[in-house]
Amino acid sequence: MRLLILIATNLAVSLLLGVVFLGLEIAGVLPEGQWAGLFVMATVFGFGGSFVSLLLSKIIAKWSMGVHVIEAPRSQSEAWLVQTVHAHASRAGIGMPEVGIYDSDDPNAFATGWSRNNALVAVSTGLLNAMRPEQVSAVLGHEVAHVANGDMVTLTLVQGVLNTFVIFFSRVIGTVVDTALSGGDRERSRGGIGYIITVTIAQIVLGLGASLIVARFSRYREFRADAGGASLTSPRDMAGALDALRRAGDESQLPQSMTAFGIRGGNIAKLFASHPPLEERIARLMGARPHG
């Protein structure tokens, strides 16, 4: 998202596992044509990348964003942040997330972590400087709602299913194409260059299709998190926070790998956007029909 830290890490892990998988196929460990066995292995590798990325999400988020986790508040502002997140988490019925701040002029925030009771909520210095306290509270409520809704785990499951089908069908396509290029001789075609090239291309194309599905699902979850943030604060405060982001402009310095759980989306094509338009989100919160 696009792509979120979850998806970015997932892609890296899946790529590594995919190379290993392809090596096992070429070595004959995974014979072609045994589709049941191939599907089982695709499931293992597909979900493996997703869940490894989920387990590493907090670590990578802290490292990539330079997040300072507030363990002992050093200022009144940090104390207020911790207290506010604690209050939201208590009302949402989840464990207390870690709370952090990262240095960026761009007003943004994100939540990540492998479970509802082991999460991280972080905000940028730009957001703290650009918003009123009640708006910051609404943003924190939005992020806590992501955690309470189980968005990290849910997106991991969705990504795992899609990874499985991408791995499986790319190899089915590769086998069909390579066999055709070899005149129907499957033994002669096994592990050939045609198979490797076709699998690689098919995996890229199918992977883009999977990204479209994940992006659409993420946009739906954003509406839910907005509603959750509004219930923890108020619809007016949540809409006010989104409007402040809209006024700040559409350019975001938050890496695409983080925008899945950030409050703002990047300037990317609509179909691949992880977040709905801010105007549409505000209209829904205020009970109005969005224009267009």
Protein backbone atom coordinates (compact mmCIF):
# COMPACT_ATOMS: atom_id res chain seq x y z
CA MET A 1 0.00 0.00 0.00
CA ARG A 2 0.81 0.64 -0.88
CA LEU A 3 2.44 -1.48 0.35
CA LEU A 4 2.33 -1.68 4.13
CA ILE A 5 5.18 -2.71 6.28
CA LEU A 6 3.35 -6.00 6.60
CA ILE A 7 3.08 -6.44 2.85
CA ALA A 8 6.57 -5.06 2.12
CA THR A 9 8.15 -7.51 4.54
CA ASN A 10 5.85 -10.24 3.26
CA LEU A 11 7.01 -9.64 -0.30
CA ALA A 12 10.65 -9.82 0.71
CA VAL A 13 10.16 -13.03 2.69
CA SER A 14 7.95 -14.55 0.00
CA LEU A 15 10.53 -13.73 -2.66
CA LEU A 16 13.20 -15.53 -0.67
CA LEU A 17 10.94 -18.52 -0.06
CA GLY A 18 9.92 -18.47 -3.72
CA VAL A 19 13.54 -18.76 -4.82
CA VAL A 20 14.00 -21.71 -2.46
CA PHE A 21 10.76 -23.24 -3.75
CA LEU A 22 11.85 -22.87 -7.38
CA GLY A 23 15.20 -24.44 -6.52
CA LEU A 24 13.45 -27.45 -4.99
CA GLU A 25 11.36 -27.85 -8.14
CA ILE A 26 14.36 -27.70 -10.46
CA ALA A 27 16.19 -30.18 -8.23
CA GLY A 28 13.27 -32.58 -8.58
CA VAL A 29 12.32 -32.50 -4.91
CA LEU A 30 8.88 -31.20 -5.97
CA PRO A 31 8.05 -33.10 -9.17
CA GLU A 32 5.84 -31.31 -11.66
CA GLY A 33 2.37 -32.69 -12.21
CA GLN A 34 1.75 -33.63 -8.59
CA TRP A 35 -0.66 -30.77 -8.13
CA ALA A 36 -1.89 -31.79 -4.70
CA GLY A 37 1.65 -31.78 -3.31
CA LEU A 38 2.41 -28.54 -5.12
CA PHE A 39 -0.65 -26.87 -3.59
CA VAL A 40 0.34 -28.00 -0.10
CA MET A 41 3.83 -26.59 -0.56
CA ALA A 42 2.43 -23.37 -2.05
CA THR A 43 0.26 -23.01 1.04
CA VAL A 44 3.24 -23.53 3.35
CA PHE A 45 5.40 -21.03 1.48
CA GLY A 46 2.54 -18.57 0.87
CA PHE A 47 1.41 -18.35 4.47
CA GLY A 48 4.98 -18.65 5.71
CA GLY A 49 5.97 -15.33 4.15
CA SER A 50 2.90 -13.59 5.53
CA PHE A 51 3.24 -14.79 9.09
CA VAL A 52 6.98 -14.18 9.25
CA SER A 53 6.32 -10.61 8.11
CA LEU A 54 3.61 -10.26 10.75
CA LEU A 55 5.93 -11.45 13.52
CA LEU A 56 8.64 -9.04 12.38
CA SER A 57 6.32 -6.07 11.76
CA LYS A 58 6.97 -4.21 15.02
CA ILE A 59 10.72 -4.69 14.86
CA ILE A 60 10.93 -3.48 11.27
CA ALA A 61 8.57 -0.57 11.95
CA LYS A 62 10.73 0.68 14.81
CA TRP A 63 13.91 0.31 12.78
CA SER A 64 12.68 1.73 9.47
CA MET A 65 10.85 4.72 10.99
CA GLY A 66 13.28 5.44 13.82
CA VAL A 67 10.49 5.14 16.37
CA HIS A 68 11.26 6.22 19.94
CA VAL A 69 9.17 3.96 22.18
CA ILE A 70 7.97 5.82 25.28
CA GLU A 71 8.94 3.66 28.23
CA ALA A 72 9.27 6.48 30.77
CA PRO A 73 7.62 9.72 29.58
CA ARG A 74 10.15 12.55 29.30
CA SER A 75 7.60 15.32 28.92
CA GLN A 76 3.98 16.19 29.56
CA SER A 77 3.23 15.57 25.88
CA GLU A 78 4.63 12.04 26.02
CA ALA A 79 2.73 11.33 29.24
CA TRP A 80 -0.48 12.52 27.60
CA LEU A 81 0.12 10.28 24.60
CA VAL A 82 0.60 7.19 26.77
CA GLN A 83 -2.44 8.01 28.90
CA THR A 84 -4.62 8.60 25.85
CA VAL A 85 -3.62 5.36 24.14
CA HIS A 86 -4.10 3.52 27.43
CA ALA A 87 -7.62 4.93 27.79
CA HIS A 88 -8.54 4.01 24.21
CA ALA A 89 -7.07 0.52 24.56
CA SER A 90 -8.96 -0.06 27.80
CA ARG A 91 -12.26 0.97 26.20
CA ALA A 92 -11.53 -1.15 23.12
CA GLY A 93 -10.76 -4.20 25.28
CA ILE A 94 -7.19 -4.82 24.12
CA GLY A 95 -3.83 -4.98 25.83
CA MET A 96 -1.86 -1.77 26.19
CA PRO A 97 0.11 -1.20 22.96
CA GLU A 98 3.61 0.22 22.95
CA VAL A 99 3.46 3.94 22.21
CA GLY A 100 6.09 5.66 20.13
CA ILE A 101 7.02 8.88 18.33
CA TYR A 102 9.03 9.20 15.14
CA ASP A 103 10.61 12.33 13.71
CA SER A 104 8.84 13.53 10.57
CA ASP A 105 7.30 16.82 9.50
CA ASP A 106 4.54 14.89 7.76
CA PRO A 107 1.44 14.49 9.98
CA ASN A 108 0.89 10.75 10.16
CA ALA A 109 0.45 7.74 12.42
CA PHE A 110 0.41 3.96 12.18
CA ALA A 111 -0.25 0.81 14.15
CA THR A 112 1.30 -2.61 13.68
CA GLY A 113 2.04 -5.77 15.62
CA TRP A 114 1.31 -9.48 15.58
CA SER A 115 -1.70 -9.51 17.93
CA ARG A 116 -4.31 -7.37 19.65
CA ASN A 117 -2.32 -7.55 22.86
CA ASN A 118 1.13 -7.03 21.37
CA ALA A 119 0.95 -3.96 19.16
CA LEU A 120 2.69 -0.66 18.51
CA VAL A 121 0.99 2.70 17.96
CA ALA A 122 3.26 5.49 16.74
CA VAL A 123 2.69 9.10 15.71
CA SER A 124 4.91 11.59 13.93
CA THR A 125 6.17 14.81 15.44
CA GLY A 126 4.47 16.57 12.51
CA LEU A 127 1.08 15.22 13.57
CA LEU A 128 1.57 16.37 17.16
CA ASN A 129 2.49 19.85 15.93
CA ALA A 130 -0.27 20.14 13.33
CA MET A 131 -3.33 18.96 15.28
CA ARG A 132 -5.28 19.96 18.32
CA PRO A 133 -5.26 17.48 21.24
CA GLU A 134 -8.79 16.22 20.51
CA GLN A 135 -7.79 15.53 16.89
CA VAL A 136 -4.64 13.69 17.95
CA SER A 137 -6.81 11.65 20.32
CA ALA A 138 -9.09 10.74 17.40
CA VAL A 139 -6.09 9.63 15.32
CA LEU A 140 -4.89 7.48 18.21
CA GLY A 141 -8.41 6.06 18.47
CA HIS A 142 -8.30 5.20 14.77
CA GLU A 143 -5.04 3.30 15.25
CA VAL A 144 -6.28 1.52 18.38
CA ALA A 145 -9.37 0.52 16.38
CA HIS A 146 -7.09 -1.07 13.77
CA VAL A 147 -5.56 -3.16 16.54
CA ALA A 148 -8.90 -3.99 18.16
CA ASN A 149 -10.37 -4.99 14.79
CA GLY A 150 -7.49 -7.42 14.27
CA ASP A 151 -6.53 -5.77 10.99
CA MET A 152 -2.90 -6.94 11.12
CA VAL A 153 -3.86 -10.60 11.50
CA THR A 154 -6.76 -10.33 9.04
CA LEU A 155 -4.60 -8.77 6.34
CA THR A 156 -1.98 -11.45 6.99
CA LEU A 157 -4.55 -14.19 6.38
CA VAL A 158 -5.79 -12.49 3.21
CA GLN A 159 -2.24 -12.04 1.97
CA GLY A 160 -1.40 -15.66 2.84
CA VAL A 161 -4.32 -16.98 0.79
CA LEU A 162 -3.38 -14.77 -2.16
CA ASN A 163 0.29 -15.75 -1.91
CA THR A 164 -0.73 -19.40 -2.02
CA PHE A 165 -2.72 -18.97 -5.22
CA VAL A 166 -0.04 -16.80 -6.82
CA ILE A 167 2.64 -19.42 -6.13
CA PHE A 168 0.44 -22.32 -7.22
CA PHE A 169 -1.06 -20.91 -10.42
CA SER A 170 2.20 -19.31 -11.58
CA ARG A 171 3.70 -22.81 -11.55
CA VAL A 172 0.69 -24.33 -13.26
CA ILE A 173 1.00 -21.70 -16.00
CA GLY A 174 4.75 -22.28 -16.16
CA THR A 175 4.28 -26.02 -16.61
CA VAL A 176 1.67 -25.59 -19.34
CA VAL A 177 3.76 -23.07 -21.29
CA ASP A 178 7.02 -24.98 -20.89
CA THR A 179 5.42 -28.25 -21.93
CA ALA A 180 3.96 -26.58 -25.02
CA LEU A 181 7.37 -25.13 -25.92
CA SER A 182 8.89 -28.58 -25.55
CA GLY A 183 6.48 -30.19 -27.99
CA GLY A 184 4.44 -31.86 -25.29
CA ASP A 185 7.41 -33.69 -23.77
CA ARG A 186 7.01 -32.95 -20.06
CA GLU A 187 10.20 -34.80 -19.07
CA ARG A 188 12.28 -32.71 -21.47
CA SER A 189 10.59 -29.52 -20.32
CA ARG A 190 11.05 -29.97 -16.58
CA GLY A 191 12.95 -27.08 -15.01
CA GLY A 192 13.72 -25.55 -18.40
CA ILE A 193 14.44 -21.90 -19.01
CA GLY A 194 10.95 -21.47 -20.43
CA TYR A 195 9.47 -22.72 -17.17
CA ILE A 196 11.61 -20.40 -15.04
CA ILE A 197 10.85 -17.31 -17.16
CA THR A 198 7.14 -18.07 -17.36
CA VAL A 199 6.83 -18.69 -13.62
CA THR A 200 8.65 -15.44 -12.87
CA ILE A 201 6.45 -13.38 -15.21
CA ALA A 202 3.26 -15.08 -14.05
CA GLN A 203 4.15 -14.52 -10.43
CA ILE A 204 4.70 -10.80 -11.05
CA VAL A 205 1.42 -10.40 -12.96
CA LEU A 206 -0.61 -12.46 -10.49
CA GLY A 207 1.11 -10.64 -7.63
CA LEU A 208 -0.09 -7.30 -9.00
CA GLY A 209 -3.61 -8.70 -9.13
CA ALA A 210 -3.27 -9.84 -5.53
CA SER A 211 -2.14 -6.34 -4.55
CA LEU A 212 -5.35 -4.93 -6.02
CA ILE A 213 -7.40 -7.25 -3.83
CA VAL A 214 -5.41 -6.42 -0.70
CA ALA A 215 -5.71 -2.70 -1.44
CA ARG A 216 -9.48 -2.94 -1.83
CA PHE A 217 -9.76 -4.88 1.42
CA SER A 218 -7.55 -2.34 3.19
CA ARG A 219 -9.78 0.53 2.08
CA TYR A 220 -12.76 -1.25 3.63
CA ARG A 221 -10.86 -1.69 6.89
CA GLU A 222 -10.03 2.03 6.94
CA PHE A 223 -13.72 2.89 7.07
CA ARG A 224 -14.10 0.51 10.02
CA ALA A 225 -11.12 2.06 11.80
CA ASP A 226 -12.59 5.54 11.23
CA ALA A 227 -15.83 4.39 12.82
CA GLY A 228 -13.84 2.87 15.70
CA GLY A 229 -11.90 6.08 16.23
CA ALA A 230 -15.16 8.04 16.19
CA SER A 231 -16.69 5.75 18.82
CA LEU A 232 -13.65 6.18 21.09
CA THR A 233 -13.74 9.97 20.70
CA SER A 234 -16.48 11.52 18.56
CA PRO A 235 -17.40 11.62 14.86
CA ARG A 236 -16.68 15.34 14.81
CA ASP A 237 -13.17 14.92 16.23
CA MET A 238 -12.40 12.03 13.87
CA ALA A 239 -13.67 14.02 10.89
CA GLY A 240 -11.71 17.05 12.11
CA ALA A 241 -8.52 15.02 12.20
CA LEU A 242 -9.08 13.77 8.67
CA ASP A 243 -9.87 17.29 7.50
CA ALA A 244 -6.62 18.54 9.04
CA LEU A 245 -4.80 15.89 7.03
CA ARG A 246 -6.67 16.92 3.89
CA ARG A 247 -5.68 20.55 4.39
CA ALA A 248 -2.07 19.52 4.92
CA GLY A 249 -2.04 18.14 1.37
CA ASP A 250 -1.90 14.73 -0.19
CA GLU A 251 1.86 14.23 -0.22
CA SER A 252 2.97 11.80 2.45
CA GLN A 253 6.52 11.00 3.48
CA LEU A 254 5.41 7.85 5.25
CA PRO A 255 6.90 4.98 3.25
CA GLN A 256 4.46 2.98 1.18
CA SER A 257 5.33 -0.02 3.31
CA MET A 258 3.78 1.74 6.30
CA THR A 259 0.63 3.21 4.81
CA ALA A 260 -1.52 0.17 5.42
CA PHE A 261 -1.88 1.19 9.03
CA GLY A 262 -1.12 4.88 8.59
CA ILE A 263 -3.90 7.41 8.70
CA ARG A 264 -3.09 8.74 5.24
CA GLY A 265 -2.53 7.10 1.91
CA GLY A 266 0.14 7.93 -0.61
CA ASN A 267 -0.23 9.64 -3.97
CA ILE A 268 -0.74 6.43 -5.94
CA ALA A 269 -3.24 5.09 -8.43
CA LYS A 270 -6.72 4.76 -6.98
CA LEU A 271 -6.98 1.02 -7.51
CA PHE A 272 -3.76 0.39 -5.61
CA ALA A 273 -4.51 2.94 -2.87
CA SER A 274 -4.60 1.52 0.64
CA HIS A 275 -6.89 4.32 1.85
CA PRO A 276 -10.14 5.75 0.46
CA PRO A 277 -10.17 9.47 -0.42
CA LEU A 278 -10.23 11.66 2.67
CA GLU A 279 -13.34 13.46 1.44
CA GLU A 280 -15.22 10.17 1.26
CA ARG A 281 -14.10 9.16 4.74
CA ILE A 282 -15.17 12.51 6.20
CA ALA A 283 -18.55 12.32 4.44
CA ARG A 284 -19.21 8.86 5.89
CA LEU A 285 -18.34 9.99 9.40
CA MET A 286 -20.65 12.96 9.16
CA GLY A 287 -23.49 10.90 7.70
CA ALA A 288 -23.42 12.58 4.29
CA ARG A 289 -23.28 10.99 0.89
CA PRO A 290 -19.88 11.55 -0.76
CA HIS A 291 -19.93 13.47 -4.03
CA GLY A 292 -19.26 11.42 -7.16
